[in-house]
C-alpha atoms as a PDB file:
ATOM      1  CA  MET A   1      80.794  19.616 301.763  1.00  0.00           C
ATOM      2  CA  SER A   2      77.527  19.280 303.671  1.00  0.00           C
ATOM      3  CA  THR A   3      75.113  16.392 303.534  1.00  0.00           C
ATOM      4  CA  ASP A   4      72.606  18.609 301.726  1.00  0.00           C
ATOM      5  CA  GLU A   5      75.198  19.504 299.107  1.00  0.00           C
ATOM      6  CA  LEU A   6      76.078  15.848 298.631  1.00  0.00           C
ATOM      7  CA  LEU A   7      72.428  14.961 298.234  1.00  0.00           C
ATOM      8  CA  GLU A   8      71.903  17.663 295.631  1.00  0.00           C
ATOM      9  CA  GLN A   9      74.909  16.361 293.655  1.00  0.00           C
ATOM     10  CA  ALA A  10      73.647  12.791 293.949  1.00  0.00           C
ATOM     11  CA  LYS A  11      70.281  13.816 292.545  1.00  0.00           C
ATOM     12  CA  THR A  12      72.007  14.910 289.307  1.00  0.00           C
ATOM     13  CA  LEU A  13      73.417  11.401 288.717  1.00  0.00           C
ATOM     14  CA  PRO A  14      71.702   9.015 286.355  1.00  0.00           C
ATOM     15  CA  PRO A  15      69.404   6.530 288.133  1.00  0.00           C
ATOM     16  CA  ALA A  16      71.831   3.634 287.738  1.00  0.00           C
ATOM     17  CA  GLU A  17      74.622   5.616 289.357  1.00  0.00           C
ATOM     18  CA  GLN A  18      72.296   6.768 292.150  1.00  0.00           C
ATOM     19  CA  LEU A  19      71.558   3.094 292.841  1.00  0.00           C
ATOM     20  CA  GLU A  20      75.286   2.276 292.905  1.00  0.00           C
ATOM     21  CA  LEU A  21      75.827   5.115 295.392  1.00  0.00           C
ATOM     22  CA  VAL A  22      72.993   3.945 297.629  1.00  0.00           C
ATOM     23  CA  GLU A  23      74.286   0.366 297.591  1.00  0.00           C
ATOM     24  CA  ALA A  24      77.817   1.545 298.404  1.00  0.00           C
ATOM     25  CA  LEU A  25      76.562   3.623 301.314  1.00  0.00           C
ATOM     26  CA  LEU A  26      74.418   0.805 302.692  1.00  0.00           C
ATOM     27  CA  ASN A  27      77.299  -1.674 302.394  1.00  0.00           C
ATOM     28  CA  GLU A  28      79.504   0.796 304.268  1.00  0.00           C
ATOM     29  CA  LEU A  29      76.971   0.916 307.139  1.00  0.00           C
ATOM     30  CA  ASP A  30      76.327  -2.841 307.216  1.00  0.00           C
ATOM     31  CA  ARG A  31      79.445  -3.895 309.076  1.00  0.00           C
ATOM     32  CA  PRO A  32      79.588  -6.421 311.880  1.00  0.00           C
ATOM     33  CA  ASP A  33      79.705  -4.904 315.333  1.00  0.00           C
ATOM     34  CA  LYS A  34      81.347  -7.139 317.929  1.00  0.00           C
ATOM     35  CA  ASP A  35      79.600  -5.402 320.836  1.00  0.00           C
ATOM     36  CA  ILE A  36      76.150  -5.846 319.277  1.00  0.00           C
ATOM     37  CA  ASP A  37      76.936  -9.457 318.351  1.00  0.00           C
ATOM     38  CA  ALA A  38      78.071 -10.165 321.920  1.00  0.00           C
ATOM     39  CA  ALA A  39      74.947  -8.549 323.376  1.00  0.00           C
ATOM     40  CA  TRP A  40      72.635 -10.627 321.128  1.00  0.00           C
ATOM     41  CA  THR A  41      74.588 -13.787 321.972  1.00  0.00           C
ATOM     42  CA  ALA A  42      74.166 -13.128 325.656  1.00  0.00           C
ATOM     43  CA  GLU A  43      70.464 -12.359 325.182  1.00  0.00           C
ATOM     44  CA  ALA A  44      69.922 -15.586 323.231  1.00  0.00           C
ATOM     45  CA  LYS A  45      71.699 -17.619 325.903  1.00  0.00           C
ATOM     46  CA  ASP A  46      69.657 -15.964 328.655  1.00  0.00           C
ATOM     47  CA  ARG A  47      66.412 -16.637 326.826  1.00  0.00           C
ATOM     48  CA  LEU A  48      67.342 -20.266 326.212  1.00  0.00           C
ATOM     49  CA  ALA A  49      68.256 -20.728 329.886  1.00  0.00           C
ATOM     50  CA  ALA A  50      64.962 -19.130 330.987  1.00  0.00           C
ATOM     51  CA  TYR A  51      63.040 -21.387 328.568  1.00  0.00           C
ATOM     52  CA  ARG A  52      64.776 -24.506 329.895  1.00  0.00           C
ATOM     53  CA  LYS A  53      63.989 -23.463 333.482  1.00  0.00           C
ATOM     54  CA  GLY A  54      60.337 -22.960 332.594  1.00  0.00           C
ATOM     55  CA  GLU A  55      60.570 -19.212 333.172  1.00  0.00           C
ATOM     56  CA  MET A  56      59.739 -18.454 329.546  1.00  0.00           C
ATOM     57  CA  PHE A  57      57.426 -20.240 327.174  1.00  0.00           C
ATOM     58  CA  ALA A  58      57.378 -20.557 323.410  1.00  0.00           C
ATOM     59  CA  LEU A  59      54.335 -19.409 321.484  1.00  0.00           C
ATOM     60  CA  ALA A  60      52.906 -21.476 318.661  1.00  0.00           C
ATOM     61  CA  GLU A  61      53.223 -19.884 315.259  1.00  0.00           C
ATOM     62  CA  THR A  62      49.902 -18.718 313.871  1.00  0.00           C
ATOM     63  CA  ARG A  63      49.273 -18.146 310.219  1.00  0.00           C
ATOM     64  CA  GLU A  64      46.412 -16.015 309.067  1.00  0.00           C
ATOM     65  CA  ALA A  65      44.670 -16.619 305.749  1.00  0.00           C
ATOM     66  CA  ALA A  66      45.630 -14.017 303.172  1.00  0.00           C
END
């Protein structure tokens, strides 16, 4: 069954069931990835080291009036 066929079938579901399907699909995609976690950990450590050496500076948070 193609993606287009699945989509057409999903469109025939009641809204509540469509929502359940969307949530199930998103949950399936939202899995931890060890490689991505390791890359972000290394990036964070590199940024902290650069900050401590004075090679990188923090910016003050600015808040604009709504």
